[in-house]
Amino acid sequence: MAGLSPAQQATGSAVVRRTLHLVETIAGAGRPLALPELCALVHLPKATTHRLCQQLESIGYVVREPGGRHYAPGPRLLRIGFEVMRSGVSAERHGILAALVEHVGETSNFTALAGHEVLYLDRVEARWPLRLHFDIGSRVPIHCTASGKLLLAAMKPPERRRLLDAAGLPAYTPHTITARARLDAELERIAAQGYSLDREEFLLGMAAIAVPVRAADGAALAAVACHGPSVRFTIEQAIGCLPQLKNAARRLAKTLADFSDQGARTRRDPGPVGRTKTERSAASGGQDRGKISN
């Protein structure tokens, strides 16, 4: 800190440490935090914590939940997290997706939760003339996509309710599930079977299947999915691709190991997705509609 006195440098360093500790606490909580909780966790006075939160909110690193009493990671903080996930091992992950496309013959993608949406972290397009285009960084709804429903099924019920209350269940096609009770039943099936299907719920003419990418502790960190035109990629064919999808998910999980160990991941309950009854008992984030090219 050139030009500053030792006292000013010390003060500046303390502010940086406090701010980073606050950001780390909000990012790692796994749920929105009220100001009193934050004060207790970061051991700072209420006025200081409130001032730092206001500054972070003004630049997009944190956001206040509806009602204004709870703080959660903001879009800029989420973007940093996903860039970290993509850095260093991007080529390896892209290679895994490319191999999956070779085996399955349809587009594959690697996704994670971003707020109340699903974010495309990476994808490899199939070589067919007729295919669906989504750019890396695209966001799609959580309640009517294969990856989104999979991640919903892995959440604790209170967290899921909060997210769906914020996102709503808008209809994208006549097949979109727009009733909460029906969606809850669908999520129970997904949790039991360990994979999720999109039966033209997001885009007419598109089918998709997704499986979880898990951390060492079993938490569903992300999803790997395949999708294609339903005239070519039927639901039966999608289910037939499960062995290749699960193999890709295991390989992708290894690329997240270091990131997961650092505790900087989006925290999710390990959840029941794909677990047997015995295993479940023992264990007791603008939307893009895509473009069709031909």
C-alpha atoms as a PDB file:
ATOM      1  CA  MET A   1       0.000   0.000   0.000  1.00  0.00           C
ATOM      2  CA  ALA A   2       2.376   2.656  -1.237  1.00  0.00           C
ATOM      3  CA  GLY A   3       1.931   6.148   0.210  1.00  0.00           C
ATOM      4  CA  LEU A   4       0.060   4.957   3.336  1.00  0.00           C
ATOM      5  CA  SER A   5       1.353   5.106   6.876  1.00  0.00           C
ATOM      6  CA  PRO A   6       1.891   1.825   8.778  1.00  0.00           C
ATOM      7  CA  ALA A   7      -1.278   2.546  10.795  1.00  0.00           C
ATOM      8  CA  GLN A   8      -3.310   3.109   7.622  1.00  0.00           C
ATOM      9  CA  GLN A   9      -1.893  -0.044   6.073  1.00  0.00           C
ATOM     10  CA  ALA A  10      -2.826  -2.054   9.160  1.00  0.00           C
ATOM     11  CA  THR A  11      -6.345  -0.616   9.119  1.00  0.00           C
ATOM     12  CA  GLY A  12      -6.734  -1.401   5.429  1.00  0.00           C
ATOM     13  CA  SER A  13      -5.519  -4.970   5.902  1.00  0.00           C
ATOM     14  CA  ALA A  14      -7.975  -5.484   8.757  1.00  0.00           C
ATOM     15  CA  VAL A  15     -10.878  -4.277   6.606  1.00  0.00           C
ATOM     16  CA  VAL A  16      -9.875  -6.653   3.807  1.00  0.00           C
ATOM     17  CA  ARG A  17      -9.667  -9.603   6.221  1.00  0.00           C
ATOM     18  CA  ARG A  18     -13.045  -8.772   7.748  1.00  0.00           C
ATOM     19  CA  THR A  19     -14.679  -8.384   4.353  1.00  0.00           C
ATOM     20  CA  LEU A  20     -13.271 -11.637   3.001  1.00  0.00           C
ATOM     21  CA  HIS A  21     -14.282 -13.479   6.178  1.00  0.00           C
ATOM     22  CA  LEU A  22     -17.807 -12.110   5.791  1.00  0.00           C
ATOM     23  CA  VAL A  23     -17.968 -13.165   2.123  1.00  0.00           C
ATOM     24  CA  GLU A  24     -16.656 -16.625   2.964  1.00  0.00           C
ATOM     25  CA  THR A  25     -19.232 -17.022   5.733  1.00  0.00           C
ATOM     26  CA  ILE A  26     -22.160 -16.035   3.504  1.00  0.00           C
ATOM     27  CA  ALA A  27     -20.922 -18.238   0.657  1.00  0.00           C
ATOM     28  CA  GLY A  28     -20.445 -21.286   2.859  1.00  0.00           C
ATOM     29  CA  ALA A  29     -23.624 -21.106   4.907  1.00  0.00           C
ATOM     30  CA  GLY A  30     -25.796 -22.972   2.416  1.00  0.00           C
ATOM     31  CA  ARG A  31     -28.761 -20.723   3.264  1.00  0.00           C
ATOM     32  CA  PRO A  32     -29.495 -16.993   3.614  1.00  0.00           C
ATOM     33  CA  LEU A  33     -28.238 -15.540   6.906  1.00  0.00           C
ATOM     34  CA  ALA A  34     -29.859 -12.874   9.061  1.00  0.00           C
ATOM     35  CA  LEU A  35     -27.696 -10.010  10.322  1.00  0.00           C
ATOM     36  CA  PRO A  36     -27.602 -11.235  13.958  1.00  0.00           C
ATOM     37  CA  GLU A  37     -26.408 -14.654  12.758  1.00  0.00           C
ATOM     38  CA  LEU A  38     -23.698 -13.049  10.654  1.00  0.00           C
ATOM     39  CA  CYS A  39     -22.513 -10.931  13.566  1.00  0.00           C
ATOM     40  CA  ALA A  40     -22.163 -14.011  15.736  1.00  0.00           C
ATOM     41  CA  LEU A  41     -20.378 -16.010  13.049  1.00  0.00           C
ATOM     42  CA  VAL A  42     -17.851 -13.333  12.072  1.00  0.00           C
ATOM     43  CA  HIS A  43     -17.463 -11.864  15.574  1.00  0.00           C
ATOM     44  CA  LEU A  44     -18.062  -8.291  14.490  1.00  0.00           C
ATOM     45  CA  PRO A  45     -20.330  -5.561  15.882  1.00  0.00           C
ATOM     46  CA  LYS A  46     -23.746  -5.223  14.262  1.00  0.00           C
ATOM     47  CA  ALA A  47     -22.972  -1.771  12.837  1.00  0.00           C
ATOM     48  CA  THR A  48     -19.737  -2.991  11.218  1.00  0.00           C
ATOM     49  CA  THR A  49     -21.349  -6.109   9.792  1.00  0.00           C
ATOM     50  CA  HIS A  50     -24.283  -4.111   8.426  1.00  0.00           C
ATOM     51  CA  ARG A  51     -21.967  -1.559   6.805  1.00  0.00           C
ATOM     52  CA  LEU A  52     -19.844  -4.253   5.140  1.00  0.00           C
ATOM     53  CA  CYS A  53     -22.968  -6.055   3.898  1.00  0.00           C
ATOM     54  CA  GLN A  54     -24.313  -2.822   2.415  1.00  0.00           C
ATOM     55  CA  GLN A  55     -21.026  -2.232   0.594  1.00  0.00           C
ATOM     56  CA  LEU A  56     -20.939  -5.804  -0.714  1.00  0.00           C
ATOM     57  CA  GLU A  57     -24.575  -5.548  -1.792  1.00  0.00           C
ATOM     58  CA  SER A  58     -23.898  -2.320  -3.701  1.00  0.00           C
ATOM     59  CA  ILE A  59     -21.331  -4.092  -5.894  1.00  0.00           C
ATOM     60  CA  GLY A  60     -23.242  -7.351  -6.351  1.00  0.00           C
ATOM     61  CA  TYR A  61     -21.304  -9.686  -4.075  1.00  0.00           C
ATOM     62  CA  VAL A  62     -24.259 -10.291  -1.760  1.00  0.00           C
ATOM     63  CA  VAL A  63     -28.002  -9.866  -2.161  1.00  0.00           C
ATOM     64  CA  ARG A  64     -30.801  -9.456   0.337  1.00  0.00           C
ATOM     65  CA  GLU A  65     -33.600 -11.975   0.201  1.00  0.00           C
ATOM     66  CA  PRO A  66     -37.202 -10.761  -0.197  1.00  0.00           C
ATOM     67  CA  GLY A  67     -38.089  -8.975   3.017  1.00  0.00           C
ATOM     68  CA  GLY A  68     -34.580  -7.569   3.349  1.00  0.00           C
ATOM     69  CA  ARG A  69     -33.591  -9.433   6.521  1.00  0.00           C
ATOM     70  CA  HIS A  70     -31.355 -12.182   5.151  1.00  0.00           C
ATOM     71  CA  TYR A  71     -28.173 -12.089   3.066  1.00  0.00           C
ATOM     72  CA  ALA A  72     -27.163 -14.576   0.358  1.00  0.00           C
ATOM     73  CA  PRO A  73     -24.399 -14.792  -2.283  1.00  0.00           C
ATOM     74  CA  GLY A  74     -24.879 -12.244  -5.066  1.00  0.00           C
ATOM     75  CA  PRO A  75     -24.361 -12.658  -8.815  1.00  0.00           C
ATOM     76  CA  ARG A  76     -20.752 -11.479  -8.836  1.00  0.00           C
ATOM     77  CA  LEU A  77     -19.799 -13.873  -6.055  1.00  0.00           C
ATOM     78  CA  LEU A  78     -21.570 -16.746  -7.805  1.00  0.00           C
ATOM     79  CA  ARG A  79     -19.759 -15.882 -11.032  1.00  0.00           C
ATOM     80  CA  ILE A  80     -16.388 -16.053  -9.269  1.00  0.00           C
ATOM     81  CA  GLY A  81     -17.284 -19.431  -7.797  1.00  0.00           C
ATOM     82  CA  PHE A  82     -18.253 -20.902 -11.129  1.00  0.00           C
ATOM     83  CA  GLU A  83     -15.149 -19.479 -12.823  1.00  0.00           C
ATOM     84  CA  VAL A  84     -13.039 -21.170 -10.154  1.00  0.00           C
ATOM     85  CA  MET A  85     -14.880 -24.422 -10.847  1.00  0.00           C
ATOM     86  CA  ARG A  86     -14.152 -24.064 -14.551  1.00  0.00           C
ATOM     87  CA  SER A  87     -10.508 -23.015 -14.224  1.00  0.00           C
ATOM     88  CA  GLY A  88      -7.555 -25.360 -14.321  1.00  0.00           C
ATOM     89  CA  VAL A  89      -9.477 -28.504 -15.153  1.00  0.00           C
ATOM     90  CA  SER A  90     -11.666 -27.134 -17.945  1.00  0.00           C
ATOM     91  CA  ALA A  91      -9.879 -29.156 -20.626  1.00  0.00           C
ATOM     92  CA  GLU A  92     -10.269 -32.366 -18.640  1.00  0.00           C
ATOM     93  CA  ARG A  93     -13.989 -31.801 -18.059  1.00  0.00           C
ATOM     94  CA  HIS A  94     -14.530 -30.846 -21.673  1.00  0.00           C
ATOM     95  CA  GLY A  95     -12.797 -34.064 -22.697  1.00  0.00           C
ATOM     96  CA  ILE A  96     -15.102 -36.105 -20.454  1.00  0.00           C
ATOM     97  CA  LEU A  97     -18.154 -34.474 -22.025  1.00  0.00           C
ATOM     98  CA  ALA A  98     -16.727 -35.024 -25.516  1.00  0.00           C
ATOM     99  CA  ALA A  99     -16.260 -38.728 -24.781  1.00  0.00           C
ATOM    100  CA  LEU A 100     -19.841 -38.904 -23.536  1.00  0.00           C
ATOM    101  CA  VAL A 101     -21.081 -37.338 -26.769  1.00  0.00           C
ATOM    102  CA  GLU A 102     -19.125 -39.924 -28.761  1.00  0.00           C
ATOM    103  CA  HIS A 103     -20.789 -42.754 -26.857  1.00  0.00           C
ATOM    104  CA  VAL A 104     -24.318 -41.350 -26.667  1.00  0.00           C
ATOM    105  CA  GLY A 105     -24.461 -39.382 -29.907  1.00  0.00           C
ATOM    106  CA  GLU A 106     -26.246 -36.404 -28.353  1.00  0.00           C
ATOM    107  CA  THR A 107     -25.207 -33.098 -26.787  1.00  0.00           C
ATOM    108  CA  SER A 108     -23.890 -33.310 -23.221  1.00  0.00           C
ATOM    109  CA  ASN A 109     -23.617 -30.596 -20.614  1.00  0.00           C
ATOM    110  CA  PHE A 110     -22.252 -29.966 -17.138  1.00  0.00           C
ATOM    111  CA  THR A 111     -24.463 -27.780 -14.953  1.00  0.00           C
ATOM    112  CA  ALA A 112     -24.832 -26.391 -11.442  1.00  0.00           C
ATOM    113  CA  LEU A 113     -27.273 -24.341  -9.440  1.00  0.00           C
ATOM    114  CA  ALA A 114     -27.007 -20.533  -9.710  1.00  0.00           C
ATOM    115  CA  GLY A 115     -29.565 -18.814  -7.514  1.00  0.00           C
ATOM    116  CA  HIS A 116     -32.933 -20.265  -8.545  1.00  0.00           C
ATOM    117  CA  GLU A 117     -31.749 -21.254 -12.028  1.00  0.00           C
ATOM    118  CA  VAL A 118     -29.453 -23.816 -13.635  1.00  0.00           C
ATOM    119  CA  LEU A 119     -26.163 -22.587 -15.101  1.00  0.00           C
ATOM    120  CA  TYR A 120     -24.362 -24.270 -18.011  1.00  0.00           C
ATOM    121  CA  LEU A 121     -20.727 -24.578 -16.893  1.00  0.00           C
ATOM    122  CA  ASP A 122     -19.608 -26.524 -19.967  1.00  0.00           C
ATOM    123  CA  ARG A 123     -21.126 -28.387 -22.898  1.00  0.00           C
ATOM    124  CA  VAL A 124     -20.180 -30.322 -26.005  1.00  0.00           C
ATOM    125  CA  GLU A 125     -22.473 -30.278 -29.025  1.00  0.00           C
ATOM    126  CA  ALA A 126     -23.457 -33.372 -30.981  1.00  0.00           C
ATOM    127  CA  ARG A 127     -22.526 -33.494 -34.656  1.00  0.00           C
ATOM    128  CA  TRP A 128     -26.072 -33.868 -35.941  1.00  0.00           C
ATOM    129  CA  PRO A 129     -27.350 -31.165 -38.325  1.00  0.00           C
ATOM    130  CA  LEU A 130     -30.468 -30.903 -36.130  1.00  0.00           C
ATOM    131  CA  ARG A 131     -29.478 -29.965 -32.578  1.00  0.00           C
ATOM    132  CA  LEU A 132     -30.188 -27.494 -29.790  1.00  0.00           C
ATOM    133  CA  HIS A 133     -27.795 -24.648 -29.029  1.00  0.00           C
ATOM    134  CA  PHE A 134     -27.113 -23.301 -25.542  1.00  0.00           C
ATOM    135  CA  ASP A 135     -24.003 -21.228 -24.881  1.00  0.00           C
ATOM    136  CA  ILE A 136     -21.759 -21.865 -21.880  1.00  0.00           C
ATOM    137  CA  GLY A 137     -23.046 -19.490 -19.218  1.00  0.00           C
ATOM    138  CA  SER A 138     -26.668 -19.899 -20.291  1.00  0.00           C
ATOM    139  CA  ARG A 139     -29.246 -20.151 -17.525  1.00  0.00           C
ATOM    140  CA  VAL A 140     -32.375 -22.282 -17.702  1.00  0.00           C
ATOM    141  CA  PRO A 141     -35.288 -22.887 -15.311  1.00  0.00           C
ATOM    142  CA  ILE A 142     -34.863 -25.263 -12.426  1.00  0.00           C
ATOM    143  CA  HIS A 143     -38.370 -26.786 -12.256  1.00  0.00           C
ATOM    144  CA  CYS A 144     -38.709 -28.055 -15.832  1.00  0.00           C
ATOM    145  CA  THR A 145     -35.219 -29.194 -16.870  1.00  0.00           C
ATOM    146  CA  ALA A 146     -33.617 -32.552 -16.192  1.00  0.00           C
ATOM    147  CA  SER A 147     -30.620 -31.048 -14.368  1.00  0.00           C
ATOM    148  CA  GLY A 148     -32.789 -28.609 -12.439  1.00  0.00           C
ATOM    149  CA  LYS A 149     -35.196 -31.222 -11.145  1.00  0.00           C
ATOM    150  CA  LEU A 150     -32.272 -33.448 -10.207  1.00  0.00           C
ATOM    151  CA  LEU A 151     -30.711 -30.694  -8.090  1.00  0.00           C
ATOM    152  CA  LEU A 152     -34.097 -29.889  -6.536  1.00  0.00           C
ATOM    153  CA  ALA A 153     -34.526 -33.530  -5.555  1.00  0.00           C
ATOM    154  CA  ALA A 154     -31.196 -33.420  -3.681  1.00  0.00           C
ATOM    155  CA  MET A 155     -32.163 -30.413  -1.529  1.00  0.00           C
ATOM    156  CA  LYS A 156     -33.556 -30.366   1.968  1.00  0.00           C
ATOM    157  CA  PRO A 157     -37.304 -29.644   1.838  1.00  0.00           C
ATOM    158  CA  PRO A 158     -37.124 -26.192   3.521  1.00  0.00           C
ATOM    159  CA  GLU A 159     -34.431 -25.026   1.089  1.00  0.00           C
ATOM    160  CA  ARG A 160     -36.393 -26.408  -1.847  1.00  0.00           C
ATOM    161  CA  ARG A 161     -39.559 -24.601  -0.713  1.00  0.00           C
ATOM    162  CA  ARG A 162     -37.731 -21.279  -0.411  1.00  0.00           C
ATOM    163  CA  LEU A 163     -36.211 -21.647  -3.854  1.00  0.00           C
ATOM    164  CA  LEU A 164     -39.461 -22.632  -5.561  1.00  0.00           C
ATOM    165  CA  ASP A 165     -41.346 -19.848  -3.780  1.00  0.00           C
ATOM    166  CA  ALA A 166     -38.877 -17.408  -5.335  1.00  0.00           C
ATOM    167  CA  ALA A 167     -38.732 -19.025  -8.789  1.00  0.00           C
ATOM    168  CA  GLY A 168     -42.361 -20.034  -9.231  1.00  0.00           C
ATOM    169  CA  LEU A 169     -43.517 -22.741 -11.624  1.00  0.00           C
ATOM    170  CA  PRO A 170     -44.202 -20.963 -14.932  1.00  0.00           C
ATOM    171  CA  ALA A 171     -45.330 -23.080 -17.888  1.00  0.00           C
ATOM    172  CA  TYR A 172     -42.893 -23.281 -20.797  1.00  0.00           C
ATOM    173  CA  THR A 173     -44.742 -25.987 -22.718  1.00  0.00           C
ATOM    174  CA  PRO A 174     -48.007 -27.891 -22.227  1.00  0.00           C
ATOM    175  CA  HIS A 175     -45.898 -30.578 -20.515  1.00  0.00           C
ATOM    176  CA  THR A 176     -44.375 -28.327 -17.813  1.00  0.00           C
ATOM    177  CA  ILE A 177     -45.273 -29.354 -14.279  1.00  0.00           C
ATOM    178  CA  THR A 178     -46.894 -26.261 -12.738  1.00  0.00           C
ATOM    179  CA  ALA A 179     -48.532 -27.740  -9.623  1.00  0.00           C
ATOM    180  CA  ARG A 180     -46.399 -28.016  -6.508  1.00  0.00           C
ATOM    181  CA  ALA A 181     -47.887 -31.340  -5.434  1.00  0.00           C
ATOM    182  CA  ARG A 182     -47.150 -32.917  -8.828  1.00  0.00           C
ATOM    183  CA  LEU A 183     -43.607 -31.556  -8.779  1.00  0.00           C
ATOM    184  CA  ASP A 184     -43.043 -32.893  -5.265  1.00  0.00           C
ATOM    185  CA  ALA A 185     -44.139 -36.338  -6.427  1.00  0.00           C
ATOM    186  CA  GLU A 186     -41.823 -36.080  -9.443  1.00  0.00           C
ATOM    187  CA  LEU A 187     -38.902 -35.129  -7.205  1.00  0.00           C
ATOM    188  CA  GLU A 188     -39.587 -38.116  -4.951  1.00  0.00           C
ATOM    189  CA  ARG A 189     -39.374 -40.400  -7.986  1.00  0.00           C
ATOM    190  CA  ILE A 190     -36.123 -38.756  -9.078  1.00  0.00           C
ATOM    191  CA  ALA A 191     -34.639 -39.193  -5.602  1.00  0.00           C
ATOM    192  CA  ALA A 192     -35.565 -42.868  -5.608  1.00  0.00           C
ATOM    193  CA  GLN A 193     -34.328 -43.702  -9.116  1.00  0.00           C
ATOM    194  CA  GLY A 194     -31.184 -41.548  -9.156  1.00  0.00           C
ATOM    195  CA  TYR A 195     -31.773 -39.778 -12.457  1.00  0.00           C
ATOM    196  CA  SER A 196     -34.055 -37.110 -13.895  1.00  0.00           C
ATOM    197  CA  LEU A 197     -35.898 -36.785 -17.194  1.00  0.00           C
ATOM    198  CA  ASP A 198     -37.171 -33.795 -19.151  1.00  0.00           C
ATOM    199  CA  ARG A 199     -40.127 -34.938 -21.236  1.00  0.00           C
ATOM    200  CA  GLU A 200     -40.482 -31.809 -23.415  1.00  0.00           C
ATOM    201  CA  GLU A 201     -41.166 -29.800 -20.245  1.00  0.00           C
ATOM    202  CA  PHE A 202     -38.835 -26.911 -21.098  1.00  0.00           C
ATOM    203  CA  LEU A 203     -38.801 -26.970 -24.894  1.00  0.00           C
ATOM    204  CA  LEU A 204     -41.217 -28.725 -27.186  1.00  0.00           C
ATOM    205  CA  GLY A 205     -39.392 -31.361 -29.165  1.00  0.00           C
ATOM    206  CA  MET A 206     -36.522 -31.785 -26.696  1.00  0.00           C
ATOM    207  CA  ALA A 207     -35.879 -34.691 -24.345  1.00  0.00           C
ATOM    208  CA  ALA A 208     -33.144 -34.849 -21.719  1.00  0.00           C
ATOM    209  CA  ILE A 209     -31.735 -37.000 -18.932  1.00  0.00           C
ATOM    210  CA  ALA A 210     -29.428 -36.014 -16.046  1.00  0.00           C
ATOM    211  CA  VAL A 211     -27.521 -37.715 -13.234  1.00  0.00           C
ATOM    212  CA  PRO A 212     -25.790 -36.145 -10.208  1.00  0.00           C
ATOM    213  CA  VAL A 213     -22.105 -35.293  -9.939  1.00  0.00           C
ATOM    214  CA  ARG A 214     -21.266 -35.933  -6.297  1.00  0.00           C
ATOM    215  CA  ALA A 215     -18.636 -34.818  -3.822  1.00  0.00           C
ATOM    216  CA  ALA A 216     -16.829 -37.350  -1.662  1.00  0.00           C
ATOM    217  CA  ASP A 217     -19.422 -36.771   1.074  1.00  0.00           C
ATOM    218  CA  GLY A 218     -22.256 -37.628  -1.303  1.00  0.00           C
ATOM    219  CA  ALA A 219     -23.521 -34.083  -1.850  1.00  0.00           C
ATOM    220  CA  ALA A 220     -24.888 -33.412  -5.329  1.00  0.00           C
ATOM    221  CA  LEU A 221     -22.606 -30.601  -6.440  1.00  0.00           C
ATOM    222  CA  ALA A 222     -23.652 -30.498 -10.075  1.00  0.00           C
ATOM    223  CA  ALA A 223     -25.264 -32.530 -12.840  1.00  0.00           C
ATOM    224  CA  VAL A 224     -24.237 -34.048 -16.136  1.00  0.00           C
ATOM    225  CA  ALA A 225     -26.940 -34.369 -18.770  1.00  0.00           C
ATOM    226  CA  CYS A 226     -27.616 -35.338 -22.365  1.00  0.00           C
ATOM    227  CA  HIS A 227     -30.358 -33.879 -24.495  1.00  0.00           C
ATOM    228  CA  GLY A 228     -31.563 -33.998 -28.059  1.00  0.00           C
ATOM    229  CA  PRO A 229     -34.622 -33.765 -30.294  1.00  0.00           C
ATOM    230  CA  SER A 230     -37.251 -36.171 -28.984  1.00  0.00           C
ATOM    231  CA  VAL A 231     -37.855 -37.570 -32.477  1.00  0.00           C
ATOM    232  CA  ARG A 232     -34.315 -38.931 -32.338  1.00  0.00           C
ATOM    233  CA  PHE A 233     -33.579 -39.123 -28.594  1.00  0.00           C
ATOM    234  CA  THR A 234     -36.566 -40.884 -27.081  1.00  0.00           C
ATOM    235  CA  ILE A 235     -37.079 -41.348 -23.357  1.00  0.00           C
ATOM    236  CA  GLU A 236     -36.297 -45.039 -23.717  1.00  0.00           C
ATOM    237  CA  GLN A 237     -33.036 -44.237 -25.519  1.00  0.00           C
ATOM    238  CA  ALA A 238     -32.189 -41.654 -22.864  1.00  0.00           C
ATOM    239  CA  ILE A 239     -32.628 -44.176 -20.052  1.00  0.00           C
ATOM    240  CA  GLY A 240     -30.477 -46.607 -22.019  1.00  0.00           C
ATOM    241  CA  CYS A 241     -27.617 -44.073 -21.783  1.00  0.00           C
ATOM    242  CA  LEU A 242     -27.512 -44.192 -17.965  1.00  0.00           C
ATOM    243  CA  PRO A 243     -24.330 -46.330 -17.728  1.00  0.00           C
ATOM    244  CA  GLN A 244     -22.376 -43.839 -19.864  1.00  0.00           C
ATOM    245  CA  LEU A 245     -23.840 -40.866 -17.960  1.00  0.00           C
ATOM    246  CA  LYS A 246     -22.979 -42.343 -14.581  1.00  0.00           C
ATOM    247  CA  ASN A 247     -19.440 -43.095 -15.705  1.00  0.00           C
ATOM    248  CA  ALA A 248     -19.040 -39.495 -16.900  1.00  0.00           C
ATOM    249  CA  ALA A 249     -20.452 -38.261 -13.570  1.00  0.00           C
ATOM    250  CA  ARG A 250     -17.866 -40.274 -11.617  1.00  0.00           C
ATOM    251  CA  ARG A 251     -15.050 -38.883 -13.763  1.00  0.00           C
ATOM    252  CA  LEU A 252     -16.367 -35.320 -13.445  1.00  0.00           C
ATOM    253  CA  ALA A 253     -16.626 -35.720  -9.668  1.00  0.00           C
ATOM    254  CA  LYS A 254     -12.885 -36.379  -9.499  1.00  0.00           C
ATOM    255  CA  THR A 255     -12.203 -33.028 -11.170  1.00  0.00           C
ATOM    256  CA  LEU A 256     -14.147 -31.329  -8.371  1.00  0.00           C
ATOM    257  CA  ALA A 257     -12.314 -33.088  -5.541  1.00  0.00           C
ATOM    258  CA  ASP A 258      -9.867 -30.307  -4.704  1.00  0.00           C
ATOM    259  CA  PHE A 259     -12.510 -27.641  -5.050  1.00  0.00           C
ATOM    260  CA  SER A 260     -14.896 -29.576  -2.825  1.00  0.00           C
ATOM    261  CA  ASP A 261     -12.239 -30.148  -0.166  1.00  0.00           C
ATOM    262  CA  GLN A 262     -11.632 -26.420   0.083  1.00  0.00           C
ATOM    263  CA  GLY A 263     -15.243 -25.941   1.155  1.00  0.00           C
ATOM    264  CA  ALA A 264     -15.858 -23.330  -1.507  1.00  0.00           C
ATOM    265  CA  ARG A 265     -18.522 -25.281  -3.337  1.00  0.00           C
ATOM    266  CA  THR A 266     -22.223 -24.609  -3.354  1.00  0.00           C
ATOM    267  CA  ARG A 267     -23.327 -26.626  -0.378  1.00  0.00           C
ATOM    268  CA  ARG A 268     -26.172 -29.055  -0.819  1.00  0.00           C
ATOM    269  CA  ASP A 269     -27.592 -31.717   1.412  1.00  0.00           C
ATOM    270  CA  PRO A 270     -26.255 -35.098   0.230  1.00  0.00           C
ATOM    271  CA  GLY A 271     -29.900 -35.899  -0.303  1.00  0.00           C
ATOM    272  CA  PRO A 272     -31.548 -39.150  -1.246  1.00  0.00           C
ATOM    273  CA  VAL A 273     -30.954 -39.013  -5.005  1.00  0.00           C
ATOM    274  CA  GLY A 274     -30.008 -42.458  -6.210  1.00  0.00           C
ATOM    275  CA  ARG A 275     -29.586 -43.970  -2.715  1.00  0.00           C
ATOM    276  CA  THR A 276     -31.128 -47.204  -1.528  1.00  0.00           C
ATOM    277  CA  LYS A 277     -33.474 -47.132   1.445  1.00  0.00           C
ATOM    278  CA  THR A 278     -30.712 -48.494   3.681  1.00  0.00           C
ATOM    279  CA  GLU A 279     -28.215 -45.885   2.463  1.00  0.00           C
ATOM    280  CA  ARG A 280     -30.760 -43.094   2.943  1.00  0.00           C
ATOM    281  CA  SER A 281     -31.401 -44.268   6.485  1.00  0.00           C
ATOM    282  CA  ALA A 282     -27.698 -44.419   7.237  1.00  0.00           C
ATOM    283  CA  ALA A 283     -27.028 -40.999   5.794  1.00  0.00           C
ATOM    284  CA  SER A 284     -29.905 -39.593   8.108  1.00  0.00           C
ATOM    285  CA  GLY A 285     -28.450 -19.469  -8.945  1.00  0.00           C
ATOM    286  CA  GLY A 286     -32.214 -14.377 -17.334  1.00  0.00           C
ATOM    287  CA  GLN A 287     -33.209 -17.694 -18.842  1.00  0.00           C
ATOM    288  CA  ASP A 288     -32.118 -19.068 -22.182  1.00  0.00           C
ATOM    289  CA  ARG A 289     -34.593 -21.045 -24.247  1.00  0.00           C
ATOM    290  CA  GLY A 290     -31.952 -22.265 -26.691  1.00  0.00           C
ATOM    291  CA  LYS A 291     -32.019 -22.394 -30.464  1.00  0.00           C
ATOM    292  CA  ILE A 292     -32.698 -25.287 -32.792  1.00  0.00           C
ATOM    293  CA  SER A 293     -30.436 -25.453 -35.821  1.00  0.00           C
ATOM    294  CA  ASN A 294     -30.795 -27.565 -38.897  1.00  0.00           C
END
